[in-house]
C-alpha atoms as a PDB file:
ATOM      1  CA  MET A   1       2.744  -1.700  -1.882  1.00  0.00           C
ATOM      2  CA  ARG A   2       0.332  -0.217  -4.386  1.00  0.00           C
ATOM      3  CA  VAL A   3       1.142   2.451  -6.843  1.00  0.00           C
ATOM      4  CA  VAL A   4      -1.184   5.293  -7.564  1.00  0.00           C
ATOM      5  CA  PRO A   5      -0.339   6.986 -10.794  1.00  0.00           C
ATOM      6  CA  PHE A   6      -0.053  10.674 -11.182  1.00  0.00           C
ATOM      7  CA  ASP A   7      -3.162  12.570 -11.497  1.00  0.00           C
ATOM      8  CA  PRO A   8      -3.414  16.341 -11.977  1.00  0.00           C
ATOM      9  CA  HIS A   9      -6.639  16.320  -9.907  1.00  0.00           C
ATOM     10  CA  LEU A  10      -4.594  15.116  -6.916  1.00  0.00           C
ATOM     11  CA  GLU A  11      -1.877  17.571  -7.437  1.00  0.00           C
ATOM     12  CA  GLU A  12      -4.289  20.419  -7.075  1.00  0.00           C
ATOM     13  CA  GLY A  13      -4.182  19.637  -3.226  1.00  0.00           C
ATOM     14  CA  ALA A  14      -7.990  20.407  -2.789  1.00  0.00           C
ATOM     15  CA  GLU A  15     -10.937  18.355  -2.175  1.00  0.00           C
ATOM     16  CA  ILE A  16     -11.005  15.245  -4.222  1.00  0.00           C
ATOM     17  CA  ALA A  17     -14.000  14.839  -6.698  1.00  0.00           C
ATOM     18  CA  LEU A  18     -13.713  11.201  -7.829  1.00  0.00           C
ATOM     19  CA  ASP A  19     -15.346  12.027 -11.354  1.00  0.00           C
ATOM     20  CA  ARG A  20     -12.434  14.256 -12.000  1.00  0.00           C
ATOM     21  CA  LEU A  21      -9.722  11.500 -11.339  1.00  0.00           C
ATOM     22  CA  ARG A  22      -8.406   9.679 -14.482  1.00  0.00           C
ATOM     23  CA  ARG A  23      -9.719   6.019 -14.934  1.00  0.00           C
ATOM     24  CA  GLU A  24      -6.361   4.688 -14.064  1.00  0.00           C
ATOM     25  CA  THR A  25      -6.093   6.629 -10.875  1.00  0.00           C
ATOM     26  CA  ARG A  26      -9.681   5.506  -9.801  1.00  0.00           C
ATOM     27  CA  GLU A  27      -8.999   1.978 -10.636  1.00  0.00           C
ATOM     28  CA  ALA A  28      -5.652   1.948  -8.538  1.00  0.00           C
ATOM     29  CA  LEU A  29      -7.420   3.841  -5.508  1.00  0.00           C
ATOM     30  CA  THR A  30     -10.160   0.982  -5.585  1.00  0.00           C
ATOM     31  CA  GLU A  31      -7.623  -1.699  -5.584  1.00  0.00           C
ATOM     32  CA  LEU A  32      -6.011  -0.235  -2.775  1.00  0.00           C
ATOM     33  CA  ALA A  33      -9.219   0.257  -0.694  1.00  0.00           C
ATOM     34  CA  ALA A  34      -9.867  -3.528  -1.315  1.00  0.00           C
ATOM     35  CA  VAL A  35      -6.461  -4.240  -0.012  1.00  0.00           C
ATOM     36  CA  VAL A  36      -6.904  -2.375   3.156  1.00  0.00           C
ATOM     37  CA  ALA A  37     -10.552  -3.646   3.600  1.00  0.00           C
ATOM     38  CA  ALA A  38      -9.244  -7.382   3.279  1.00  0.00           C
ATOM     39  CA  GLY A  39      -7.384  -6.638   6.599  1.00  0.00           C
ATOM     40  CA  PHE A  40     -10.336  -5.573   8.517  1.00  0.00           C
ATOM     41  CA  PRO A  41     -11.443  -8.222  11.072  1.00  0.00           C
ATOM     42  CA  GLY A  42     -14.550 -10.340  10.364  1.00  0.00           C
ATOM     43  CA  ASP A  43     -17.902  -9.650  11.879  1.00  0.00           C
ATOM     44  CA  PRO A  44     -17.811 -12.139  15.060  1.00  0.00           C
ATOM     45  CA  ARG A  45     -21.601 -12.549  14.680  1.00  0.00           C
ATOM     46  CA  ARG A  46     -21.049 -14.137  11.408  1.00  0.00           C
ATOM     47  CA  CYS A  47     -18.443 -16.517  12.586  1.00  0.00           C
ATOM     48  CA  LYS A  48     -19.979 -20.004  13.507  1.00  0.00           C
ATOM     49  CA  PRO A  49     -18.345 -21.862  16.371  1.00  0.00           C
ATOM     50  CA  SER A  50     -16.561 -25.171  15.422  1.00  0.00           C
ATOM     51  CA  PHE A  51     -16.894 -27.735  18.006  1.00  0.00           C
ATOM     52  CA  THR A  52     -14.661 -30.849  17.721  1.00  0.00           C
END
């Protein structure tokens, strides 16, 4: 679970302009994006087969 702090710009309910978010909110959203991306499958072309 990740906590995104209250931000008046998000409360507007309009299109999000990243430069209008508070620093703490941008950092929390960046951390959230990293957690989500970490769950993406790897590129199979980059995997080297292991022969044993």
